[in-house]
C-alpha cells in the first residue's frame, strides 16, 4: 500500500513539475505527459488497492 501511494505521489509531482516547465503549450503537446501520468497514477492506485486488500 505504501509503494502504491508513493508511485501515485511521484507521478503527480513529476507531472506538475513538467507541466510547470511548459510555459507555452503550443511548443510541445502535453498529451504524452498526461497519458504517462495517468498510467502511473492508475498503476499506483492498483498497487495501493492490492496492498489494502491483502492487509
Protein backbone atom coordinates (compact mmCIF):
# COMPACT_ATOMS: atom_id res chain seq x y z
CA UNK A 1 0.00 0.00 0.00
CA UNK A 2 2.86 2.35 0.79
CA UNK A 3 4.51 1.56 -2.56
CA UNK A 4 1.32 2.33 -4.46
CA UNK A 5 0.89 5.62 -2.66
CA UNK A 6 4.50 6.51 -3.37
CA UNK A 7 4.06 5.75 -7.09
CA UNK A 8 0.97 7.97 -7.25
CA UNK A 9 2.68 10.81 -5.37
CA UNK A 10 5.83 10.66 -7.50
CA UNK A 11 3.79 10.58 -10.73
CA UNK A 12 1.80 13.63 -9.69
CA UNK A 13 4.89 15.56 -8.61
CA UNK A 14 6.72 14.77 -11.85
CA UNK A 15 3.69 15.76 -13.91
CA UNK A 16 3.29 19.01 -12.03
CA UNK A 17 6.97 19.86 -12.41
CA UNK A 18 6.99 19.00 -16.10
CA UNK A 19 3.79 20.95 -16.70
CA UNK A 20 5.23 23.96 -14.91
CA UNK A 21 8.25 23.86 -17.22
CA UNK A 22 5.98 24.09 -20.27
CA UNK A 23 5.33 27.81 -20.41
CA UNK A 24 3.99 27.80 -23.97
CA UNK A 25 1.79 24.73 -24.51
CA UNK A 26 1.83 25.25 -28.26
CA UNK A 27 5.52 24.37 -28.46
CA UNK A 28 5.08 20.76 -27.39
CA UNK A 29 1.84 18.89 -26.75
CA UNK A 30 1.08 17.72 -23.23
CA UNK A 31 -0.74 14.57 -24.36
CA UNK A 32 2.20 12.15 -23.83
CA UNK A 33 2.86 13.64 -20.41
CA UNK A 34 -0.78 13.33 -19.38
CA UNK A 35 -1.03 9.77 -20.71
CA UNK A 36 2.10 8.71 -18.83
CA UNK A 37 0.93 10.38 -15.64
CA UNK A 38 -2.48 8.76 -15.92
CA UNK A 39 -0.94 5.33 -16.43
CA UNK A 40 1.36 5.76 -13.42
CA UNK A 41 -1.47 7.02 -11.22
CA UNK A 42 -3.67 4.07 -12.18
CA UNK A 43 -0.81 1.64 -11.59
CA UNK A 44 -0.05 3.16 -8.21
CA UNK A 45 -3.71 3.12 -7.23
CA UNK A 46 -3.90 -0.54 -8.23
CA UNK A 47 -0.84 -1.39 -6.14
CA UNK A 48 -2.29 0.51 -3.17
CA UNK A 49 -5.66 -1.25 -3.54
CA UNK A 50 -3.93 -4.63 -3.70
CA UNK A 51 -1.92 -3.79 -0.59
CA UNK A 52 -5.05 -2.71 1.22
CA UNK A 53 -6.88 -5.86 0.16
CA UNK A 54 -4.02 -8.08 1.37
CA UNK A 55 -3.94 -6.43 4.81
